[in-house]
N, C-alpha and C. Protein backbone atom coordinates (compact mmCIF):
# COMPACT_ATOMS: atom_id res chain seq x y z
N MET A 1 -111.94 -68.39 51.07
CA MET A 1 -111.97 -67.60 50.02
C MET A 1 -112.65 -67.58 48.86
N LEU A 2 -113.71 -67.10 48.82
CA LEU A 2 -114.53 -67.14 47.27
C LEU A 2 -114.17 -66.40 46.29
N ARG A 3 -113.88 -67.59 44.84
CA ARG A 3 -113.54 -66.27 43.88
C ARG A 3 -114.81 -66.65 43.31
N THR A 4 -114.88 -65.60 42.13
CA THR A 4 -115.79 -65.17 41.33
C THR A 4 -115.55 -65.21 39.96
N LEU A 5 -116.14 -66.31 39.18
CA LEU A 5 -115.86 -65.84 37.67
C LEU A 5 -116.56 -64.60 37.02
N THR A 6 -115.58 -63.68 36.68
CA THR A 6 -116.13 -62.64 35.30
C THR A 6 -115.60 -62.85 34.29
N PRO A 7 -116.17 -62.69 33.06
CA PRO A 7 -115.37 -62.74 32.39
C PRO A 7 -114.86 -61.51 31.97
N ALA A 8 -113.94 -60.98 30.86
CA ALA A 8 -113.63 -60.05 30.74
C ALA A 8 -114.13 -59.43 29.44
N ALA A 9 -114.85 -60.02 28.89
CA ALA A 9 -115.70 -59.33 27.98
C ALA A 9 -117.56 -60.02 28.13
N PRO A 10 -117.91 -58.86 27.85
CA PRO A 10 -119.32 -59.21 28.25
C PRO A 10 -119.95 -60.76 27.01
N VAL A 11 -120.61 -61.80 27.93
CA VAL A 11 -121.20 -62.69 26.97
C VAL A 11 -122.31 -62.41 26.40
N ARG A 12 -122.18 -62.70 24.73
CA ARG A 12 -123.05 -62.81 24.09
C ARG A 12 -124.48 -64.25 24.19
N LEU A 13 -125.38 -64.00 24.35
CA LEU A 13 -126.40 -65.58 24.80
C LEU A 13 -127.11 -65.27 23.51
N ARG A 14 -126.88 -66.34 22.78
CA ARG A 14 -127.91 -66.81 21.69
C ARG A 14 -129.37 -67.15 22.01
N THR A 15 -130.14 -66.47 20.80
CA THR A 15 -131.25 -66.13 21.44
C THR A 15 -131.93 -67.50 21.21
N PRO A 16 -133.01 -68.36 21.94
CA PRO A 16 -132.98 -69.57 21.77
C PRO A 16 -134.36 -69.62 20.27
N PHE A 17 -134.59 -70.69 19.85
CA PHE A 17 -134.99 -70.57 18.58
C PHE A 17 -136.14 -71.71 19.10
N LYS A 18 -137.62 -71.67 18.85
CA LYS A 18 -138.23 -72.24 19.43
C LYS A 18 -139.30 -72.63 18.21
N SER A 19 -140.26 -73.72 17.90
CA SER A 19 -141.12 -73.75 17.08
C SER A 19 -141.82 -75.20 17.72
N ARG A 20 -143.12 -74.86 16.86
CA ARG A 20 -144.33 -75.57 17.53
C ARG A 20 -145.37 -75.98 16.63
N VAL A 21 -146.33 -76.80 16.36
CA VAL A 21 -147.02 -77.15 15.64
C VAL A 21 -148.56 -76.77 16.11
N ASP A 22 -149.33 -75.86 15.99
CA ASP A 22 -150.51 -75.80 16.63
C ASP A 22 -151.57 -76.78 16.33
N GLN A 23 -151.30 -76.55 14.67
CA GLN A 23 -152.94 -77.80 14.30
C GLN A 23 -152.17 -78.61 12.75
N ARG A 24 -152.54 -79.84 13.09
CA ARG A 24 -152.34 -80.19 11.35
C ARG A 24 -153.14 -79.86 10.42
N ILE A 25 -152.28 -79.53 9.35
CA ILE A 25 -153.19 -79.22 8.10
C ILE A 25 -153.57 -80.69 7.53
N PHE A 26 -154.63 -80.77 7.67
CA PHE A 26 -156.19 -81.87 7.13
C PHE A 26 -156.17 -81.44 5.52
N VAL A 27 -156.18 -82.60 4.93
CA VAL A 27 -156.01 -82.50 3.67
C VAL A 27 -157.03 -83.51 3.35
N SER A 28 -158.59 -82.86 2.62
CA SER A 28 -159.67 -84.01 2.38
C SER A 28 -159.45 -85.05 1.30
N THR A 29 -159.80 -86.33 1.25
CA THR A 29 -160.04 -87.02 0.26
C THR A 29 -160.90 -86.06 -1.29
N LEU A 30 -160.68 -86.91 -2.16
CA LEU A 30 -161.10 -86.26 -3.67
C LEU A 30 -162.84 -86.60 -3.08
N GLU A 31 -163.14 -88.22 -2.82
CA GLU A 31 -164.46 -88.35 -2.35
C GLU A 31 -165.13 -87.30 -1.39
N GLU A 32 -164.59 -87.09 -0.40
CA GLU A 32 -165.06 -86.19 0.73
C GLU A 32 -164.94 -84.67 0.18
N ASP A 33 -164.02 -84.35 -0.40
CA ASP A 33 -164.63 -82.73 -1.12
C ASP A 33 -165.50 -83.01 -2.04
N LEU A 34 -165.59 -84.00 -2.86
CA LEU A 34 -167.52 -83.92 -3.85
C LEU A 34 -168.19 -83.86 -3.19
N HIS A 35 -168.20 -84.80 -2.34
CA HIS A 35 -169.32 -84.68 -1.03
C HIS A 35 -169.58 -83.56 -0.55
N LYS A 36 -168.32 -82.88 0.09
CA LYS A 36 -169.11 -81.11 0.17
C LYS A 36 -169.20 -80.27 -0.74
N THR A 37 -168.99 -80.72 -1.98
CA THR A 37 -169.20 -79.70 -2.86
C THR A 37 -170.80 -80.06 -3.38
N PHE A 38 -171.30 -81.11 -3.77
CA PHE A 38 -172.14 -81.41 -4.22
C PHE A 38 -173.54 -82.05 -3.87
N ASP A 39 -173.12 -82.41 -2.54
CA ASP A 39 -174.27 -82.92 -1.49
C ASP A 39 -175.46 -82.15 -1.31
N LEU A 40 -176.45 -81.96 -1.48
CA LEU A 40 -177.34 -81.23 -1.21
C LEU A 40 -177.78 -81.24 0.76
N ASN A 41 -177.92 -80.09 1.21
CA ASN A 41 -178.43 -79.87 2.47
C ASN A 41 -180.20 -80.34 2.57
N ALA A 42 -180.67 -80.04 3.63
CA ALA A 42 -182.01 -80.69 3.85
C ALA A 42 -182.61 -79.58 2.68
N LEU A 43 -182.69 -78.26 3.07
CA LEU A 43 -183.16 -77.40 2.51
C LEU A 43 -183.70 -77.75 0.68
N GLN A 44 -182.30 -77.60 0.23
CA GLN A 44 -182.25 -78.10 -1.09
C GLN A 44 -182.42 -79.52 -1.40
N ARG A 45 -182.97 -80.57 -0.64
CA ARG A 45 -183.34 -81.91 -0.80
C ARG A 45 -184.71 -81.70 -0.93
N GLN A 46 -185.62 -81.29 -0.24
CA GLN A 46 -186.85 -80.66 -0.25
C GLN A 46 -187.23 -79.57 -1.12
N SER A 47 -186.96 -78.52 -1.79
CA SER A 47 -186.66 -77.86 -2.87
C SER A 47 -186.51 -78.93 -4.18
N ALA A 48 -185.73 -79.68 -4.58
CA ALA A 48 -186.05 -80.72 -4.99
C ALA A 48 -186.92 -81.70 -5.45
N ALA A 49 -187.18 -82.29 -4.07
CA ALA A 49 -188.76 -83.11 -3.88
C ALA A 49 -190.04 -81.95 -4.30
N TRP A 50 -189.91 -80.58 -3.98
CA TRP A 50 -191.44 -80.09 -4.64
C TRP A 50 -191.36 -80.11 -6.14
N SER A 51 -190.09 -79.47 -6.41
CA SER A 51 -190.11 -79.51 -8.02
C SER A 51 -190.12 -80.54 -8.60
N ALA A 52 -189.73 -81.51 -8.06
CA ALA A 52 -190.13 -82.86 -8.94
C ALA A 52 -191.85 -83.41 -9.04
N GLN A 53 -192.27 -83.21 -8.08
CA GLN A 53 -193.62 -83.37 -8.05
C GLN A 53 -194.76 -82.29 -8.85
N CYS A 54 -194.11 -81.40 -8.80
CA CYS A 54 -195.03 -80.08 -9.28
C CYS A 54 -194.78 -80.07 -10.64
N CYS A 55 -193.76 -79.49 -11.05
CA CYS A 55 -193.28 -79.04 -12.60
C CYS A 55 -192.06 -79.47 -13.38
N GLY A 56 -191.49 -80.35 -12.26
CA GLY A 56 -189.96 -80.38 -13.02
C GLY A 56 -189.92 -81.54 -13.90
N ILE A 57 -188.86 -81.96 -14.52
CA ILE A 57 -189.27 -82.77 -15.27
C ILE A 57 -187.87 -84.10 -15.20
N ARG A 58 -188.48 -85.16 -15.11
CA ARG A 58 -188.17 -86.29 -14.46
C ARG A 58 -187.57 -86.79 -15.71
N LEU A 59 -186.01 -86.87 -15.56
CA LEU A 59 -184.70 -87.40 -16.83
C LEU A 59 -185.01 -88.72 -17.16
N GLY A 60 -185.55 -89.32 -16.18
CA GLY A 60 -185.46 -90.83 -15.94
C GLY A 60 -186.81 -91.32 -17.13
N ASP A 61 -187.73 -90.41 -16.95
CA ASP A 61 -189.20 -90.87 -17.66
C ASP A 61 -188.70 -90.45 -19.07
N VAL A 62 -187.87 -89.36 -19.54
CA VAL A 62 -187.38 -88.94 -20.70
C VAL A 62 -186.52 -90.03 -21.42
N LEU A 63 -185.75 -90.33 -20.68
CA LEU A 63 -185.03 -90.87 -21.30
C LEU A 63 -185.67 -92.77 -21.49
N ASN A 64 -186.36 -92.99 -20.58
CA ASN A 64 -187.23 -94.47 -21.23
C ASN A 64 -188.09 -94.28 -22.49
N ARG A 65 -188.72 -92.80 -22.46
CA ARG A 65 -189.61 -92.76 -23.87
C ARG A 65 -188.36 -92.65 -25.05
N MET A 66 -187.29 -92.11 -24.80
CA MET A 66 -186.65 -92.07 -26.18
C MET A 66 -185.84 -93.28 -26.29
N GLU A 67 -185.71 -94.30 -25.16
CA GLU A 67 -185.02 -95.60 -25.75
C GLU A 67 -186.53 -96.58 -26.30
N GLN A 68 -187.67 -96.05 -26.02
CA GLN A 68 -188.84 -97.11 -26.62
C GLN A 68 -188.72 -96.55 -27.89
N ALA A 69 -188.82 -95.13 -28.40
CA ALA A 69 -189.02 -94.59 -29.52
C ALA A 69 -187.88 -95.21 -30.50
N MET A 70 -186.91 -95.02 -29.91
CA MET A 70 -185.66 -95.84 -30.61
C MET A 70 -185.80 -97.19 -30.55
N ASN A 71 -186.21 -97.94 -30.17
CA ASN A 71 -186.49 -99.39 -30.61
C ASN A 71 -187.89 -99.67 -31.32
N GLU A 72 -188.77 -98.57 -31.04
CA GLU A 72 -189.80 -99.15 -32.07
C GLU A 72 -189.51 -98.42 -33.74
N ARG A 73 -188.60 -97.37 -33.67
CA ARG A 73 -187.94 -97.15 -35.02
C ARG A 73 -187.31 -98.50 -35.41
N ARG A 74 -186.06 -98.83 -34.65
CA ARG A 74 -185.52 -100.17 -35.42
C ARG A 74 -186.11 -101.35 -35.38
N VAL A 75 -187.45 -101.49 -35.25
CA VAL A 75 -188.34 -102.85 -35.24
C VAL A 75 -188.89 -102.30 -36.88
N SER A 76 -189.62 -100.79 -36.81
CA SER A 76 -190.05 -100.99 -38.00
C SER A 76 -188.90 -100.76 -39.00
N LYS A 77 -187.75 -100.53 -38.90
CA LYS A 77 -186.67 -100.64 -40.17
C LYS A 77 -186.87 -101.85 -40.51
N ILE A 78 -186.39 -102.87 -39.43
CA ILE A 78 -186.11 -104.31 -39.61
C ILE A 78 -187.53 -104.62 -40.59
N ARG A 79 -188.81 -104.70 -39.98
CA ARG A 79 -190.21 -104.84 -40.61
C ARG A 79 -190.10 -104.41 -42.02
N GLU A 80 -189.83 -102.94 -42.24
CA GLU A 80 -189.77 -102.91 -43.60
C GLU A 80 -189.07 -103.46 -44.77
N GLN A 81 -187.51 -103.64 -44.10
CA GLN A 81 -186.45 -104.33 -44.95
C GLN A 81 -187.06 -105.96 -44.94
N ILE A 82 -187.88 -106.52 -44.04
CA ILE A 82 -188.17 -107.80 -44.50
C ILE A 82 -189.55 -107.61 -45.72
N ARG A 83 -190.27 -106.94 -45.16
CA ARG A 83 -191.38 -106.46 -46.47
C ARG A 83 -190.70 -106.31 -48.19
N ARG A 84 -189.46 -105.62 -48.18
CA ARG A 84 -189.04 -105.27 -49.38
C ARG A 84 -188.41 -106.82 -49.91
N GLU A 85 -187.91 -107.45 -48.72
CA GLU A 85 -187.16 -108.66 -49.45
C GLU A 85 -188.22 -109.47 -49.75
N LEU A 86 -189.27 -109.75 -48.89
CA LEU A 86 -190.48 -110.79 -49.84
C LEU A 86 -190.63 -110.21 -50.66
N ALA A 87 -191.01 -109.24 -50.75
CA ALA A 87 -191.47 -108.72 -52.75
C ALA A 87 -190.25 -108.89 -53.63
N ASP A 88 -189.37 -108.74 -53.31
CA ASP A 88 -188.59 -109.22 -54.38
C ASP A 88 -188.17 -110.75 -54.53
N LEU A 89 -188.59 -111.55 -53.52
CA LEU A 89 -188.41 -112.92 -53.43
C LEU A 89 -190.03 -113.36 -54.21
N ARG A 90 -190.60 -112.73 -54.09
CA ARG A 90 -192.29 -113.14 -54.71
C ARG A 90 -192.02 -112.62 -56.18
N ALA A 91 -191.30 -111.38 -56.43
CA ALA A 91 -191.34 -110.82 -58.12
C ALA A 91 -190.28 -112.32 -58.73
N ALA A 92 -189.27 -112.06 -57.98
CA ALA A 92 -188.35 -113.50 -58.35
C ALA A 92 -188.75 -114.67 -58.62
N ASN A 93 -189.87 -115.32 -57.66
CA ASN A 93 -190.53 -116.64 -57.83
C ASN A 93 -191.26 -116.17 -58.90
N ALA A 94 -192.17 -115.53 -59.36
CA ALA A 94 -192.96 -115.16 -60.18
C ALA A 94 -192.56 -114.95 -61.53
N ALA A 95 -191.39 -114.56 -61.93
CA ALA A 95 -190.57 -114.50 -62.91
C ALA A 95 -189.79 -115.87 -63.21
N ALA A 96 -189.75 -117.02 -62.08
CA ALA A 96 -188.91 -117.83 -62.33
C ALA A 96 -190.16 -118.93 -63.01
N THR A 97 -191.36 -118.87 -62.02
CA THR A 97 -192.46 -119.60 -62.59
C THR A 97 -193.02 -119.49 -64.08
N ALA A 98 -192.83 -117.99 -64.26
CA ALA A 98 -193.21 -117.40 -65.83
C ALA A 98 -192.32 -118.03 -66.76
N ALA A 99 -191.01 -117.74 -66.45
CA ALA A 99 -189.99 -118.37 -67.59
C ALA A 99 -189.87 -120.29 -67.56
N ALA A 100 -190.51 -120.81 -66.28
CA ALA A 100 -190.71 -121.91 -66.41
C ALA A 100 -192.14 -122.74 -67.57
N ALA A 101 -193.06 -121.56 -67.17
CA ALA A 101 -194.09 -122.05 -68.00
C ALA A 101 -194.06 -121.74 -69.50
N GLU A 102 -193.40 -120.61 -69.98
CA GLU A 102 -192.48 -120.46 -71.47
C GLU A 102 -192.30 -121.63 -72.35
N LYS A 103 -191.30 -122.46 -71.46
CA LYS A 103 -190.50 -123.69 -71.84
C LYS A 103 -191.51 -124.53 -72.07
């Protein structure tokens, strides 16, 4: 004799909860993000090369010329100071010679 088990009230089954990860979220490093943002592509590099050959301003040349001009100004100021000090020294020497001759 077979007995079947039948519940007195209907059984409510819980709904299964499933989760999964389809893809990991990738966070790039600061360096990678900067390269992605600021690196030139092939067309941009070619355009930059053309503009540098044609009519672009080479900042290196400009900065070198500015540095050269600043050095020249510094040297001329030093030379002028030396000229003034030599003139003062000659005047003081002449005054000392004249004072010694009067005695």
